[in-house]
Amino acid sequence: MRNLATKVAIMYLGRIAEIAPVETFFSKPRHPYTQMLLSAIPVISAEEEAVRHNKVESNGEIPSPVNVPKGCSFNTRCPYATERCFKDDPEMKELEEGHFIRCHLVHD
């Protein structure tokens, strides 16, 4: 994907969680789900291992797409979820030019 795309969008349960230019996506992922996905990619060289992000693991089960939880749709699996994440759906906000994220923790 790094060599094929110019922009990446990550979706979780039918909603976009993060959008970023490809280099920003791989170098500065901000949404916990994006971080979890990237930390799950197997590496085959010391060079890749050197730029790999810390492992982020989910806590819970994937909810049903027909019964999405209230608040942030990733709240049942997010290792950083707070009370606010279970009540309020985060808005998509631009962190820097072209890099958008839907997460309360990054906005605060």
Protein backbone atom coordinates (compact mmCIF):
# COMPACT_ATOMS: atom_id res chain seq x y z
CA MET A 1 0.00 0.00 0.00
CA ARG A 2 2.89 2.34 0.79
CA ASN A 3 3.98 2.29 -2.85
CA LEU A 4 0.52 2.26 -4.46
CA ALA A 5 -1.51 4.88 -2.62
CA THR A 6 -1.16 8.57 -1.85
CA LYS A 7 -3.81 8.62 0.88
CA VAL A 8 -5.13 5.95 3.26
CA ALA A 9 -8.50 5.72 5.02
CA ILE A 10 -9.11 3.24 7.84
CA MET A 11 -12.67 2.19 8.61
CA TYR A 12 -14.08 0.43 11.65
CA LEU A 13 -17.68 -0.85 11.68
CA GLY A 14 -18.54 1.19 8.61
CA ARG A 15 -17.14 4.52 9.85
CA ILE A 16 -13.88 6.18 8.91
CA ALA A 17 -11.54 6.28 11.91
CA GLU A 18 -8.52 7.93 10.28
CA ILE A 19 -7.51 9.44 6.94
CA ALA A 20 -3.94 10.48 6.19
CA PRO A 21 -1.38 10.86 3.43
CA VAL A 22 0.38 7.52 3.09
CA GLU A 23 3.69 8.62 4.65
CA THR A 24 1.93 10.21 7.63
CA PHE A 25 -0.24 7.11 7.97
CA PHE A 26 2.78 4.85 8.38
CA SER A 27 4.98 7.26 10.36
CA LYS A 28 2.42 8.88 12.70
CA PRO A 29 -0.73 6.74 13.05
CA ARG A 30 -2.94 8.37 15.68
CA HIS A 31 -6.15 6.34 16.01
CA PRO A 32 -5.81 3.32 18.34
CA TYR A 33 -7.37 1.04 15.70
CA THR A 34 -4.88 2.20 13.06
CA GLN A 35 -2.05 1.63 15.54
CA MET A 36 -3.40 -1.84 16.30
CA LEU A 37 -3.58 -2.75 12.60
CA LEU A 38 -0.07 -1.50 11.86
CA SER A 39 1.43 -3.25 14.88
CA ALA A 40 -0.05 -6.54 13.63
CA ILE A 41 1.83 -6.44 10.29
CA PRO A 42 4.63 -9.04 10.28
CA VAL A 43 8.11 -7.60 9.71
CA ILE A 44 10.83 -9.39 7.77
CA SER A 45 13.85 -7.15 8.22
CA ALA A 46 15.71 -5.25 10.91
CA GLU A 47 14.96 -2.04 8.99
CA GLU A 48 11.21 -2.66 9.24
CA GLU A 49 11.51 -3.61 12.91
CA ALA A 50 13.32 -0.31 13.62
CA VAL A 51 10.36 1.75 12.38
CA ARG A 52 7.65 -0.51 13.76
CA HIS A 53 5.34 1.10 16.30
CA ASN A 54 4.67 -0.30 19.75
CA LYS A 55 2.28 -3.23 19.83
CA VAL A 56 -1.31 -2.19 20.49
CA GLU A 57 -3.70 -4.97 21.42
CA SER A 58 -7.47 -4.82 21.61
CA ASN A 59 -9.29 -5.58 24.84
CA GLY A 60 -12.65 -6.96 23.82
CA GLU A 61 -14.80 -8.54 21.19
CA ILE A 62 -15.79 -7.02 17.86
CA PRO A 63 -19.36 -5.74 18.23
CA SER A 64 -22.10 -6.64 15.79
CA PRO A 65 -22.23 -4.22 12.84
CA VAL A 66 -26.02 -4.17 13.20
CA ASN A 67 -25.77 -3.22 16.88
CA VAL A 68 -22.91 -0.71 16.99
CA PRO A 69 -22.19 0.48 20.54
CA LYS A 70 -23.14 3.97 21.67
CA GLY A 71 -20.34 6.54 21.57
CA CYS A 72 -17.15 5.67 19.73
CA SER A 73 -17.65 2.48 17.73
CA PHE A 74 -14.19 1.24 18.80
CA ASN A 75 -14.81 1.72 22.54
CA THR A 76 -15.35 -1.98 23.34
CA ARG A 77 -11.90 -2.87 21.98
CA CYS A 78 -9.86 0.26 22.65
CA PRO A 79 -7.17 -0.11 25.33
CA TYR A 80 -7.39 3.66 26.03
CA ALA A 81 -11.19 4.11 26.18
CA THR A 82 -12.54 6.51 28.79
CA GLU A 83 -16.06 7.11 30.06
CA ARG A 84 -16.54 9.78 27.37
CA CYS A 85 -15.79 7.21 24.64
CA PHE A 86 -18.81 5.15 25.78
CA LYS A 87 -21.16 8.17 25.72
CA ASP A 88 -20.19 10.52 22.89
CA ASP A 89 -19.43 9.74 19.26
CA PRO A 90 -16.23 11.62 18.35
CA GLU A 91 -16.26 14.03 15.43
CA MET A 92 -13.81 13.78 12.56
CA LYS A 93 -11.19 16.49 13.10
CA GLU A 94 -8.13 17.56 11.14
CA LEU A 95 -4.91 17.19 13.15
CA GLU A 96 -2.65 18.56 10.45
CA GLU A 97 -3.06 19.16 6.75
CA GLY A 98 -4.74 16.12 5.22
CA HIS A 99 -4.62 14.05 8.45
CA PHE A 100 -8.08 13.49 9.94
CA ILE A 101 -9.03 11.36 12.93
CA ARG A 102 -12.19 10.42 14.81
CA CYS A 103 -11.01 9.95 18.43
CA HIS A 104 -11.68 11.85 21.67
CA LEU A 105 -8.28 11.04 23.13
CA VAL A 106 -6.31 12.65 20.32
CA HIS A 107 -8.44 15.81 20.34
CA ASP A 108 -8.15 16.44 24.09
